[in-house]
């Protein structure tokens, strides 16, 4: 089915408003980023940034509250500069407050990215040595235009690090997506399905040889169902947020009637289609590519469960390039 096309300005503005609202609660709503990505960025900064000739100038696009900058600054020197940038002013302000009064080594600058079509980030061409992008691309509708702007900013021979983005190969491969769907079905079944249906699901799992896994899921995942129930209490606050976003979009003549589609789906407009990391910037050299989270959101929901970790690890060995998310390090050709 063809994805509906929205104006780039509308998608950018929705992302701006949504993240203005989500700002202070962002780390709680995305624990998989703030807990599991720490070690990945520590390794990347040690492996690729600390070995560069200094001083270096780094642009972090979509900085949020400063997660990536807070990690990579440990591998940098005082003469280096990190520019934290975001489309949300609230995120920029939160990042400023996070680093205020602290001594982090490199110089820190904070920039609000304006809504602009085509995408435009106000720095001179070839003025940046390293660009970091963490969990941002799936918010962008016109990815090619966005990456063209990234290419304009990055100097020849510079590095582009893109992490925690959806992997197209995961969605295209039936095996890992089936494993995620099946695990999620079992997780939901005790709370939402009839007894007869639950028995039928377990019988099916017995016939295809995964009954032990099914029963383990049934009895180990109760806490996740409790979280889903508690999440209902947040629905009224979300409804108020969405109503306010719709009012602003109508006042700005970006829409004529309130959006029927959940605004969050436009915020994460590319989250369920994913990207092929080798095709993002074909002229760049791939220095490193990792894929992970082979059980997709199920792994995130149960990230501390040993059994889920074991199953996810087994899938990663079978399908090393088909995890739900990827992290890639790219190098721009030197002139």
C-alpha atoms as a PDB file:
ATOM      1  CA  UNK A   1       0.000   0.000   0.000  1.00  0.00           C
ATOM      2  CA  UNK A   2       1.373   3.423  -0.974  1.00  0.00           C
ATOM      3  CA  UNK A   3       2.105   5.714   1.935  1.00  0.00           C
ATOM      4  CA  UNK A   4       0.134   8.961   1.906  1.00  0.00           C
ATOM      5  CA  UNK A   5       2.276  11.995   1.131  1.00  0.00           C
ATOM      6  CA  UNK A   6       2.121  15.056   3.364  1.00  0.00           C
ATOM      7  CA  UNK A   7       3.829  18.389   2.876  1.00  0.00           C
ATOM      8  CA  UNK A   8       7.363  18.436   4.242  1.00  0.00           C
ATOM      9  CA  UNK A   9       6.610  21.642   6.092  1.00  0.00           C
ATOM     10  CA  UNK A  10       3.672  19.998   7.863  1.00  0.00           C
ATOM     11  CA  UNK A  11       5.746  16.975   8.929  1.00  0.00           C
ATOM     12  CA  UNK A  12       8.559  19.213  10.192  1.00  0.00           C
ATOM     13  CA  UNK A  13       6.169  21.461  12.107  1.00  0.00           C
ATOM     14  CA  UNK A  14       4.404  18.479  13.718  1.00  0.00           C
ATOM     15  CA  UNK A  15       7.781  17.157  14.843  1.00  0.00           C
ATOM     16  CA  UNK A  16       8.656  20.555  16.263  1.00  0.00           C
ATOM     17  CA  UNK A  17       5.410  20.881  18.248  1.00  0.00           C
ATOM     18  CA  UNK A  18       5.357  17.253  19.371  1.00  0.00           C
ATOM     19  CA  UNK A  19       8.898  17.352  20.735  1.00  0.00           C
ATOM     20  CA  UNK A  20       8.265  20.705  22.385  1.00  0.00           C
ATOM     21  CA  UNK A  21       5.562  18.914  24.385  1.00  0.00           C
ATOM     22  CA  UNK A  22       7.509  15.683  24.871  1.00  0.00           C
ATOM     23  CA  UNK A  23      10.731  17.392  25.948  1.00  0.00           C
ATOM     24  CA  UNK A  24      11.016  16.815  29.679  1.00  0.00           C
ATOM     25  CA  UNK A  25       9.534  13.290  29.520  1.00  0.00           C
ATOM     26  CA  UNK A  26      11.493  12.144  26.465  1.00  0.00           C
ATOM     27  CA  UNK A  27      14.060  10.022  28.308  1.00  0.00           C
ATOM     28  CA  UNK A  28      11.280   8.171  30.177  1.00  0.00           C
ATOM     29  CA  UNK A  29       9.320   7.507  26.980  1.00  0.00           C
ATOM     30  CA  UNK A  30      12.388   6.157  25.127  1.00  0.00           C
ATOM     31  CA  UNK A  31      14.384   4.101  27.644  1.00  0.00           C
ATOM     32  CA  UNK A  32      15.753   1.903  24.861  1.00  0.00           C
ATOM     33  CA  UNK A  33      17.717   4.923  23.572  1.00  0.00           C
ATOM     34  CA  UNK A  34      18.938   6.235  26.886  1.00  0.00           C
ATOM     35  CA  UNK A  35      19.875   2.856  28.360  1.00  0.00           C
ATOM     36  CA  UNK A  36      20.924   0.561  25.530  1.00  0.00           C
ATOM     37  CA  UNK A  37      22.584   3.025  23.160  1.00  0.00           C
ATOM     38  CA  UNK A  38      25.109   4.317  25.725  1.00  0.00           C
ATOM     39  CA  UNK A  39      27.649   1.557  25.155  1.00  0.00           C
ATOM     40  CA  UNK A  40      27.315   1.801  21.385  1.00  0.00           C
ATOM     41  CA  UNK A  41      28.085   5.522  21.333  1.00  0.00           C
ATOM     42  CA  UNK A  42      30.938   5.100  23.811  1.00  0.00           C
ATOM     43  CA  UNK A  43      32.524   2.566  21.478  1.00  0.00           C
ATOM     44  CA  UNK A  44      31.956   4.681  18.355  1.00  0.00           C
ATOM     45  CA  UNK A  45      33.424   7.811  19.913  1.00  0.00           C
ATOM     46  CA  UNK A  46      36.471   5.913  21.169  1.00  0.00           C
ATOM     47  CA  UNK A  47      36.991   4.061  17.880  1.00  0.00           C
ATOM     48  CA  UNK A  48      36.319   6.824  15.364  1.00  0.00           C
ATOM     49  CA  UNK A  49      36.408  10.255  17.029  1.00  0.00           C
ATOM     50  CA  UNK A  50      39.351  10.082  19.413  1.00  0.00           C
ATOM     51  CA  UNK A  51      41.694   9.145  16.558  1.00  0.00           C
ATOM     52  CA  UNK A  52      40.873  12.163  14.356  1.00  0.00           C
ATOM     53  CA  UNK A  53      43.216  15.096  13.924  1.00  0.00           C
ATOM     54  CA  UNK A  54      42.153  17.852  16.316  1.00  0.00           C
ATOM     55  CA  UNK A  55      40.561  20.324  16.532  1.00  0.00           C
ATOM     56  CA  UNK A  56      37.378  18.851  15.092  1.00  0.00           C
ATOM     57  CA  UNK A  57      33.909  20.305  14.656  1.00  0.00           C
ATOM     58  CA  UNK A  58      30.969  17.961  15.280  1.00  0.00           C
ATOM     59  CA  UNK A  59      27.345  18.662  14.412  1.00  0.00           C
ATOM     60  CA  UNK A  60      24.789  16.550  16.279  1.00  0.00           C
ATOM     61  CA  UNK A  61      21.496  16.781  14.379  1.00  0.00           C
ATOM     62  CA  UNK A  62      18.366  16.101  16.426  1.00  0.00           C
ATOM     63  CA  UNK A  63      20.241  16.340  19.726  1.00  0.00           C
ATOM     64  CA  UNK A  64      17.154  16.148  21.893  1.00  0.00           C
ATOM     65  CA  UNK A  65      18.247  16.579  25.501  1.00  0.00           C
ATOM     66  CA  UNK A  66      21.919  16.069  24.606  1.00  0.00           C
ATOM     67  CA  UNK A  67      22.228  12.289  24.919  1.00  0.00           C
ATOM     68  CA  UNK A  68      24.863  11.747  22.196  1.00  0.00           C
ATOM     69  CA  UNK A  69      26.835  14.894  23.000  1.00  0.00           C
ATOM     70  CA  UNK A  70      27.110  13.901  26.655  1.00  0.00           C
ATOM     71  CA  UNK A  71      28.778  10.634  25.641  1.00  0.00           C
ATOM     72  CA  UNK A  72      31.058  11.621  22.772  1.00  0.00           C
ATOM     73  CA  UNK A  73      32.479  14.662  24.573  1.00  0.00           C
ATOM     74  CA  UNK A  74      34.414  12.241  26.772  1.00  0.00           C
ATOM     75  CA  UNK A  75      36.505  11.254  23.738  1.00  0.00           C
ATOM     76  CA  UNK A  76      37.173  14.841  22.631  1.00  0.00           C
ATOM     77  CA  UNK A  77      39.620  17.582  23.544  1.00  0.00           C
ATOM     78  CA  UNK A  78      39.180  21.159  24.750  1.00  0.00           C
ATOM     79  CA  UNK A  79      39.884  22.597  21.312  1.00  0.00           C
ATOM     80  CA  UNK A  80      37.063  20.565  19.745  1.00  0.00           C
ATOM     81  CA  UNK A  81      33.485  21.806  19.283  1.00  0.00           C
ATOM     82  CA  UNK A  82      30.151  20.012  19.488  1.00  0.00           C
ATOM     83  CA  UNK A  83      27.120  21.784  18.033  1.00  0.00           C
ATOM     84  CA  UNK A  84      23.857  20.479  19.499  1.00  0.00           C
ATOM     85  CA  UNK A  85      20.954  21.181  17.145  1.00  0.00           C
ATOM     86  CA  UNK A  86      17.262  20.342  17.181  1.00  0.00           C
ATOM     87  CA  UNK A  87      14.049  21.426  15.505  1.00  0.00           C
ATOM     88  CA  UNK A  88      12.440  21.745  18.960  1.00  0.00           C
ATOM     89  CA  UNK A  89      13.272  24.837  21.009  1.00  0.00           C
ATOM     90  CA  UNK A  90      12.205  22.996  24.164  1.00  0.00           C
ATOM     91  CA  UNK A  91      14.763  20.272  23.449  1.00  0.00           C
ATOM     92  CA  UNK A  92      17.486  22.865  22.833  1.00  0.00           C
ATOM     93  CA  UNK A  93      16.643  24.587  26.132  1.00  0.00           C
ATOM     94  CA  UNK A  94      16.658  21.276  28.022  1.00  0.00           C
ATOM     95  CA  UNK A  95      20.069  20.424  26.573  1.00  0.00           C
ATOM     96  CA  UNK A  96      21.400  23.832  27.605  1.00  0.00           C
ATOM     97  CA  UNK A  97      20.209  23.310  31.163  1.00  0.00           C
ATOM     98  CA  UNK A  98      21.667  19.795  31.227  1.00  0.00           C
ATOM     99  CA  UNK A  99      25.171  21.045  30.422  1.00  0.00           C
ATOM    100  CA  UNK A 100      24.918  24.355  32.275  1.00  0.00           C
ATOM    101  CA  UNK A 101      27.635  24.756  34.915  1.00  0.00           C
ATOM    102  CA  UNK A 102      29.360  21.518  33.917  1.00  0.00           C
ATOM    103  CA  UNK A 103      32.815  21.255  32.397  1.00  0.00           C
ATOM    104  CA  UNK A 104      32.772  18.837  29.493  1.00  0.00           C
ATOM    105  CA  UNK A 105      36.078  19.520  27.724  1.00  0.00           C
ATOM    106  CA  UNK A 106      35.027  20.511  24.182  1.00  0.00           C
ATOM    107  CA  UNK A 107      33.195  23.737  23.409  1.00  0.00           C
ATOM    108  CA  UNK A 108      29.429  23.315  23.287  1.00  0.00           C
ATOM    109  CA  UNK A 109      27.101  25.330  21.081  1.00  0.00           C
ATOM    110  CA  UNK A 110      23.306  25.103  20.864  1.00  0.00           C
ATOM    111  CA  UNK A 111      21.315  25.778  17.692  1.00  0.00           C
ATOM    112  CA  UNK A 112      17.588  25.733  16.947  1.00  0.00           C
ATOM    113  CA  UNK A 113      16.941  24.291  13.470  1.00  0.00           C
ATOM    114  CA  UNK A 114      14.209  26.256  11.713  1.00  0.00           C
ATOM    115  CA  UNK A 115      11.354  24.597   9.838  1.00  0.00           C
ATOM    116  CA  UNK A 116      12.375  25.027   6.223  1.00  0.00           C
ATOM    117  CA  UNK A 117      11.612  23.393   2.877  1.00  0.00           C
ATOM    118  CA  UNK A 118      13.784  22.131   1.426  1.00  0.00           C
ATOM    119  CA  UNK A 119      15.754  21.207   4.546  1.00  0.00           C
ATOM    120  CA  UNK A 120      18.308  23.836   5.450  1.00  0.00           C
ATOM    121  CA  UNK A 121      20.757  23.919   8.364  1.00  0.00           C
ATOM    122  CA  UNK A 122      22.504  27.268   8.609  1.00  0.00           C
ATOM    123  CA  UNK A 123      26.184  26.409   8.389  1.00  0.00           C
ATOM    124  CA  UNK A 124      28.690  26.923   5.605  1.00  0.00           C
ATOM    125  CA  UNK A 125      29.305  24.144   3.126  1.00  0.00           C
ATOM    126  CA  UNK A 126      32.020  21.621   4.072  1.00  0.00           C
ATOM    127  CA  UNK A 127      32.419  23.234   7.498  1.00  0.00           C
ATOM    128  CA  UNK A 128      31.738  20.150   9.646  1.00  0.00           C
ATOM    129  CA  UNK A 129      34.185  17.283  10.313  1.00  0.00           C
ATOM    130  CA  UNK A 130      31.721  14.818  11.857  1.00  0.00           C
ATOM    131  CA  UNK A 131      27.920  14.647  11.784  1.00  0.00           C
ATOM    132  CA  UNK A 132      26.066  12.461  14.289  1.00  0.00           C
ATOM    133  CA  UNK A 133      22.404  11.503  13.868  1.00  0.00           C
ATOM    134  CA  UNK A 134      20.690   9.324  16.464  1.00  0.00           C
ATOM    135  CA  UNK A 135      17.053   8.242  16.078  1.00  0.00           C
ATOM    136  CA  UNK A 136      16.219  11.101  13.696  1.00  0.00           C
ATOM    137  CA  UNK A 137      15.880   9.859  10.108  1.00  0.00           C
ATOM    138  CA  UNK A 138      12.567   8.086  10.697  1.00  0.00           C
ATOM    139  CA  UNK A 139      11.058  11.485  11.605  1.00  0.00           C
ATOM    140  CA  UNK A 140      11.974  12.821   8.146  1.00  0.00           C
ATOM    141  CA  UNK A 141       9.653  12.397   5.180  1.00  0.00           C
ATOM    142  CA  UNK A 142      12.002  13.581   2.402  1.00  0.00           C
ATOM    143  CA  UNK A 143      15.106  11.707   3.529  1.00  0.00           C
ATOM    144  CA  UNK A 144      17.049  12.239   0.303  1.00  0.00           C
ATOM    145  CA  UNK A 145      16.759  16.033   0.515  1.00  0.00           C
ATOM    146  CA  UNK A 146      17.736  15.891   4.179  1.00  0.00           C
ATOM    147  CA  UNK A 147      20.822  13.799   3.409  1.00  0.00           C
ATOM    148  CA  UNK A 148      21.750  16.126   0.559  1.00  0.00           C
ATOM    149  CA  UNK A 149      21.913  18.912   3.134  1.00  0.00           C
ATOM    150  CA  UNK A 150      24.010  16.715   5.410  1.00  0.00           C
ATOM    151  CA  UNK A 151      26.381  16.072   2.504  1.00  0.00           C
ATOM    152  CA  UNK A 152      26.647  19.800   1.820  1.00  0.00           C
ATOM    153  CA  UNK A 153      27.736  20.468   5.398  1.00  0.00           C
ATOM    154  CA  UNK A 154      30.223  17.607   5.758  1.00  0.00           C
ATOM    155  CA  UNK A 155      33.804  18.195   4.612  1.00  0.00           C
ATOM    156  CA  UNK A 156      35.427  15.753   2.170  1.00  0.00           C
ATOM    157  CA  UNK A 157      36.793  12.837   4.165  1.00  0.00           C
ATOM    158  CA  UNK A 158      34.413  13.612   7.042  1.00  0.00           C
ATOM    159  CA  UNK A 159      32.442  11.037   9.027  1.00  0.00           C
ATOM    160  CA  UNK A 160      28.674  10.517   9.203  1.00  0.00           C
ATOM    161  CA  UNK A 161      27.365   8.375  12.092  1.00  0.00           C
ATOM    162  CA  UNK A 162      23.708   7.326  11.897  1.00  0.00           C
ATOM    163  CA  UNK A 163      22.290   5.161  14.689  1.00  0.00           C
ATOM    164  CA  UNK A 164      19.056   3.717  16.044  1.00  0.00           C
ATOM    165  CA  UNK A 165      17.143   3.813  12.775  1.00  0.00           C
ATOM    166  CA  UNK A 166      14.681   1.196  11.428  1.00  0.00           C
ATOM    167  CA  UNK A 167      16.233  -1.403   9.152  1.00  0.00           C
ATOM    168  CA  UNK A 168      14.345  -2.103   5.920  1.00  0.00           C
ATOM    169  CA  UNK A 169      15.735  -5.646   5.743  1.00  0.00           C
ATOM    170  CA  UNK A 170      13.968  -6.508   8.986  1.00  0.00           C
ATOM    171  CA  UNK A 171      10.567  -5.517   7.603  1.00  0.00           C
ATOM    172  CA  UNK A 172      11.274  -7.221   4.270  1.00  0.00           C
ATOM    173  CA  UNK A 173      12.335 -10.542   5.826  1.00  0.00           C
ATOM    174  CA  UNK A 174       9.429 -12.675   7.004  1.00  0.00           C
ATOM    175  CA  UNK A 175      11.377 -14.686   9.611  1.00  0.00           C
ATOM    176  CA  UNK A 176      12.438 -11.958  12.073  1.00  0.00           C
ATOM    177  CA  UNK A 177       9.188 -10.049  11.622  1.00  0.00           C
ATOM    178  CA  UNK A 178       7.213 -13.272  12.171  1.00  0.00           C
ATOM    179  CA  UNK A 179       9.188 -13.961  15.359  1.00  0.00           C
ATOM    180  CA  UNK A 180       8.348 -10.469  16.645  1.00  0.00           C
ATOM    181  CA  UNK A 181       4.678 -10.769  15.660  1.00  0.00           C
ATOM    182  CA  UNK A 182       4.335 -14.204  17.227  1.00  0.00           C
ATOM    183  CA  UNK A 183       6.007 -13.139  20.479  1.00  0.00           C
ATOM    184  CA  UNK A 184       3.825 -10.020  20.668  1.00  0.00           C
ATOM    185  CA  UNK A 185       0.694 -12.092  20.012  1.00  0.00           C
ATOM    186  CA  UNK A 186       1.528 -14.392  22.909  1.00  0.00           C
ATOM    187  CA  UNK A 187       2.281 -11.410  25.125  1.00  0.00           C
ATOM    188  CA  UNK A 188      -1.094  -9.841  24.383  1.00  0.00           C
ATOM    189  CA  UNK A 189      -3.092 -13.049  24.363  1.00  0.00           C
ATOM    190  CA  UNK A 190      -3.601 -13.622  28.109  1.00  0.00           C
ATOM    191  CA  UNK A 191      -5.126 -10.175  28.573  1.00  0.00           C
ATOM    192  CA  UNK A 192      -7.103  -9.704  25.370  1.00  0.00           C
ATOM    193  CA  UNK A 193      -8.117 -13.077  23.934  1.00  0.00           C
ATOM    194  CA  UNK A 194     -10.644 -15.719  24.911  1.00  0.00           C
ATOM    195  CA  UNK A 195      -9.554 -18.891  26.722  1.00  0.00           C
ATOM    196  CA  UNK A 196     -10.297 -20.978  23.629  1.00  0.00           C
ATOM    197  CA  UNK A 197      -8.108 -18.737  21.469  1.00  0.00           C
ATOM    198  CA  UNK A 198      -5.252 -18.861  23.981  1.00  0.00           C
ATOM    199  CA  UNK A 199      -5.444 -22.678  24.048  1.00  0.00           C
ATOM    200  CA  UNK A 200      -5.438 -22.757  20.244  1.00  0.00           C
ATOM    201  CA  UNK A 201      -2.355 -20.487  20.159  1.00  0.00           C
ATOM    202  CA  UNK A 202      -0.500 -22.792  22.533  1.00  0.00           C
ATOM    203  CA  UNK A 203      -1.507 -25.842  20.500  1.00  0.00           C
ATOM    204  CA  UNK A 204      -0.178 -24.162  17.357  1.00  0.00           C
ATOM    205  CA  UNK A 205       3.072 -23.374  19.158  1.00  0.00           C
ATOM    206  CA  UNK A 206       3.351 -27.044  20.190  1.00  0.00           C
ATOM    207  CA  UNK A 207       2.913 -28.227  16.607  1.00  0.00           C
ATOM    208  CA  UNK A 208       5.582 -25.911  15.214  1.00  0.00           C
ATOM    209  CA  UNK A 209       7.984 -26.746  18.018  1.00  0.00           C
ATOM    210  CA  UNK A 210       8.019 -23.548  20.082  1.00  0.00           C
ATOM    211  CA  UNK A 211       5.615 -24.488  22.891  1.00  0.00           C
ATOM    212  CA  UNK A 212       8.273 -24.036  25.577  1.00  0.00           C
ATOM    213  CA  UNK A 213       8.960 -20.533  24.316  1.00  0.00           C
ATOM    214  CA  UNK A 214       5.232 -19.750  24.224  1.00  0.00           C
ATOM    215  CA  UNK A 215       4.647 -20.846  27.809  1.00  0.00           C
ATOM    216  CA  UNK A 216       7.697 -18.939  29.022  1.00  0.00           C
ATOM    217  CA  UNK A 217       6.349 -15.800  27.363  1.00  0.00           C
ATOM    218  CA  UNK A 218       2.936 -16.298  28.982  1.00  0.00           C
ATOM    219  CA  UNK A 219       4.275 -16.376  32.499  1.00  0.00           C
ATOM    220  CA  UNK A 220       7.262 -14.030  32.297  1.00  0.00           C
ATOM    221  CA  UNK A 221       5.638 -10.996  30.680  1.00  0.00           C
ATOM    222  CA  UNK A 222       2.987  -9.923  33.173  1.00  0.00           C
ATOM    223  CA  UNK A 223       4.801  -6.678  34.013  1.00  0.00           C
ATOM    224  CA  UNK A 224       4.508  -5.466  30.433  1.00  0.00           C
ATOM    225  CA  UNK A 225       0.744  -5.914  30.468  1.00  0.00           C
ATOM    226  CA  UNK A 226       0.605  -3.887  33.677  1.00  0.00           C
ATOM    227  CA  UNK A 227       2.526  -1.110  31.920  1.00  0.00           C
ATOM    228  CA  UNK A 228      -0.004  -1.107  29.080  1.00  0.00           C
ATOM    229  CA  UNK A 229      -2.869  -0.754  31.555  1.00  0.00           C
ATOM    230  CA  UNK A 230      -1.119   2.061  33.413  1.00  0.00           C
ATOM    231  CA  UNK A 231      -0.520   3.767  30.072  1.00  0.00           C
ATOM    232  CA  UNK A 232      -4.248   4.347  29.688  1.00  0.00           C
ATOM    233  CA  UNK A 233      -4.000   6.974  32.415  1.00  0.00           C
ATOM    234  CA  UNK A 234      -1.809   9.043  30.094  1.00  0.00           C
ATOM    235  CA  UNK A 235      -4.379   9.098  27.294  1.00  0.00           C
ATOM    236  CA  UNK A 236      -6.197  12.220  28.515  1.00  0.00           C
ATOM    237  CA  UNK A 237      -2.978  14.252  28.613  1.00  0.00           C
ATOM    238  CA  UNK A 238      -2.090  13.016  25.132  1.00  0.00           C
ATOM    239  CA  UNK A 239      -5.529  13.959  23.849  1.00  0.00           C
ATOM    240  CA  UNK A 240      -5.055  17.509  25.136  1.00  0.00           C
ATOM    241  CA  UNK A 241      -1.631  17.683  23.493  1.00  0.00           C
ATOM    242  CA  UNK A 242      -2.967  16.463  20.151  1.00  0.00           C
ATOM    243  CA  UNK A 243      -5.891  18.898  20.295  1.00  0.00           C
ATOM    244  CA  UNK A 244      -3.505  21.794  20.943  1.00  0.00           C
ATOM    245  CA  UNK A 245      -1.222  20.719  18.086  1.00  0.00           C
ATOM    246  CA  UNK A 246      -4.220  20.573  15.737  1.00  0.00           C
ATOM    247  CA  UNK A 247      -5.331  24.056  16.806  1.00  0.00           C
ATOM    248  CA  UNK A 248      -1.897  25.496  16.054  1.00  0.00           C
ATOM    249  CA  UNK A 249      -1.648  23.747  12.691  1.00  0.00           C
ATOM    250  CA  UNK A 250      -5.072  25.079  11.670  1.00  0.00           C
ATOM    251  CA  UNK A 251      -4.171  28.601  12.821  1.00  0.00           C
ATOM    252  CA  UNK A 252      -0.990  28.417  10.719  1.00  0.00           C
ATOM    253  CA  UNK A 253      -3.033  27.199   7.703  1.00  0.00           C
ATOM    254  CA  UNK A 254      -1.014  23.994   7.459  1.00  0.00           C
ATOM    255  CA  UNK A 255      -4.229  21.959   7.744  1.00  0.00           C
ATOM    256  CA  UNK A 256      -7.889  22.897   7.323  1.00  0.00           C
ATOM    257  CA  UNK A 257      -9.431  20.255   9.588  1.00  0.00           C
ATOM    258  CA  UNK A 258      -7.993  18.364  12.591  1.00  0.00           C
ATOM    259  CA  UNK A 259      -5.835  15.395  11.689  1.00  0.00           C
ATOM    260  CA  UNK A 260      -7.739  12.135  11.947  1.00  0.00           C
ATOM    261  CA  UNK A 261      -4.529  10.132  11.767  1.00  0.00           C
ATOM    262  CA  UNK A 262      -2.671   9.972  15.069  1.00  0.00           C
ATOM    263  CA  UNK A 263      -0.144  12.801  15.112  1.00  0.00           C
ATOM    264  CA  UNK A 264       2.444  10.388  16.527  1.00  0.00           C
ATOM    265  CA  UNK A 265       2.317   8.447  13.249  1.00  0.00           C
ATOM    266  CA  UNK A 266       3.358  11.562  11.381  1.00  0.00           C
ATOM    267  CA  UNK A 267       6.095  12.214  13.928  1.00  0.00           C
ATOM    268  CA  UNK A 268       7.508   8.738  13.211  1.00  0.00           C
ATOM    269  CA  UNK A 269       6.581   8.862   9.555  1.00  0.00           C
ATOM    270  CA  UNK A 270       9.253   6.393   8.340  1.00  0.00           C
ATOM    271  CA  UNK A 271       9.349   4.127  11.405  1.00  0.00           C
ATOM    272  CA  UNK A 272       7.627   1.116   9.835  1.00  0.00           C
ATOM    273  CA  UNK A 273       9.211   1.247   6.376  1.00  0.00           C
ATOM    274  CA  UNK A 274      12.830   1.585   7.390  1.00  0.00           C
ATOM    275  CA  UNK A 275      15.969   2.270   5.390  1.00  0.00           C
ATOM    276  CA  UNK A 276      18.631   0.297   3.607  1.00  0.00           C
ATOM    277  CA  UNK A 277      21.787   1.682   5.266  1.00  0.00           C
ATOM    278  CA  UNK A 278      23.958   0.882   2.255  1.00  0.00           C
ATOM    279  CA  UNK A 279      21.726   3.048   0.046  1.00  0.00           C
ATOM    280  CA  UNK A 280      21.456   6.132   2.275  1.00  0.00           C
ATOM    281  CA  UNK A 281      24.494   7.839   0.743  1.00  0.00           C
ATOM    282  CA  UNK A 282      25.781   5.385  -1.889  1.00  0.00           C
ATOM    283  CA  UNK A 283      28.954   7.364  -2.626  1.00  0.00           C
ATOM    284  CA  UNK A 284      30.122   7.117   1.011  1.00  0.00           C
ATOM    285  CA  UNK A 285      32.288   4.265   2.285  1.00  0.00           C
ATOM    286  CA  UNK A 286      30.742   2.070   4.987  1.00  0.00           C
ATOM    287  CA  UNK A 287      33.266   1.749   7.801  1.00  0.00           C
ATOM    288  CA  UNK A 288      30.978  -0.155  10.158  1.00  0.00           C
ATOM    289  CA  UNK A 289      27.412  -1.491  10.096  1.00  0.00           C
ATOM    290  CA  UNK A 290      25.586  -3.129  12.999  1.00  0.00           C
ATOM    291  CA  UNK A 291      21.969  -4.275  13.201  1.00  0.00           C
ATOM    292  CA  UNK A 292      20.238  -5.195  16.447  1.00  0.00           C
ATOM    293  CA  UNK A 293      16.870  -5.651  18.206  1.00  0.00           C
ATOM    294  CA  UNK A 294      15.893  -8.700  16.149  1.00  0.00           C
ATOM    295  CA  UNK A 295      12.684  -8.940  18.211  1.00  0.00           C
ATOM    296  CA  UNK A 296      11.898  -5.288  17.463  1.00  0.00           C
ATOM    297  CA  UNK A 297       9.656  -3.593  20.057  1.00  0.00           C
ATOM    298  CA  UNK A 298       9.208  -6.832  21.977  1.00  0.00           C
ATOM    299  CA  UNK A 299      12.915  -6.745  22.860  1.00  0.00           C
ATOM    300  CA  UNK A 300      12.584  -3.129  23.982  1.00  0.00           C
ATOM    301  CA  UNK A 301       9.513  -3.861  26.089  1.00  0.00           C
ATOM    302  CA  UNK A 302      11.264  -6.755  27.854  1.00  0.00           C
ATOM    303  CA  UNK A 303      14.856  -5.563  27.578  1.00  0.00           C
ATOM    304  CA  UNK A 304      15.790  -6.868  31.055  1.00  0.00           C
ATOM    305  CA  UNK A 305      14.302 -10.329  30.587  1.00  0.00           C
ATOM    306  CA  UNK A 306      17.044 -12.964  30.244  1.00  0.00           C
ATOM    307  CA  UNK A 307      14.919 -15.298  28.137  1.00  0.00           C
ATOM    308  CA  UNK A 308      14.041 -12.585  25.631  1.00  0.00           C
ATOM    309  CA  UNK A 309      17.701 -11.555  25.437  1.00  0.00           C
ATOM    310  CA  UNK A 310      18.654 -15.159  24.675  1.00  0.00           C
ATOM    311  CA  UNK A 311      16.063 -15.465  21.902  1.00  0.00           C
ATOM    312  CA  UNK A 312      17.088 -12.114  20.414  1.00  0.00           C
ATOM    313  CA  UNK A 313      20.748 -13.159  20.518  1.00  0.00           C
ATOM    314  CA  UNK A 314      19.956 -16.396  18.676  1.00  0.00           C
ATOM    315  CA  UNK A 315      18.177 -14.467  15.923  1.00  0.00           C
ATOM    316  CA  UNK A 316      21.091 -12.045  15.627  1.00  0.00           C
ATOM    317  CA  UNK A 317      23.460 -14.941  14.961  1.00  0.00           C
ATOM    318  CA  UNK A 318      21.118 -16.397  12.336  1.00  0.00           C
ATOM    319  CA  UNK A 319      20.369 -13.060  10.651  1.00  0.00           C
ATOM    320  CA  UNK A 320      23.210 -10.624  11.459  1.00  0.00           C
ATOM    321  CA  UNK A 321      22.100  -7.994   8.926  1.00  0.00           C
ATOM    322  CA  UNK A 322      18.373  -8.085   9.624  1.00  0.00           C
ATOM    323  CA  UNK A 323      17.860  -6.610  13.074  1.00  0.00           C
ATOM    324  CA  UNK A 324      15.036  -4.114  13.467  1.00  0.00           C
ATOM    325  CA  UNK A 325      17.450  -1.208  14.012  1.00  0.00           C
ATOM    326  CA  UNK A 326      20.832  -0.339  12.576  1.00  0.00           C
ATOM    327  CA  UNK A 327      23.855   1.822  13.285  1.00  0.00           C
ATOM    328  CA  UNK A 328      26.205   2.766  10.461  1.00  0.00           C
ATOM    329  CA  UNK A 329      29.464   4.722  10.220  1.00  0.00           C
ATOM    330  CA  UNK A 330      30.016   6.321   6.809  1.00  0.00           C
ATOM    331  CA  UNK A 331      32.987   8.197   5.382  1.00  0.00           C
ATOM    332  CA  UNK A 332      32.630  10.861   2.734  1.00  0.00           C
ATOM    333  CA  UNK A 333      35.059  10.531  -0.174  1.00  0.00           C
ATOM    334  CA  UNK A 334      38.054  12.859  -0.032  1.00  0.00           C
ATOM    335  CA  UNK A 335      38.530  15.192  -2.985  1.00  0.00           C
END
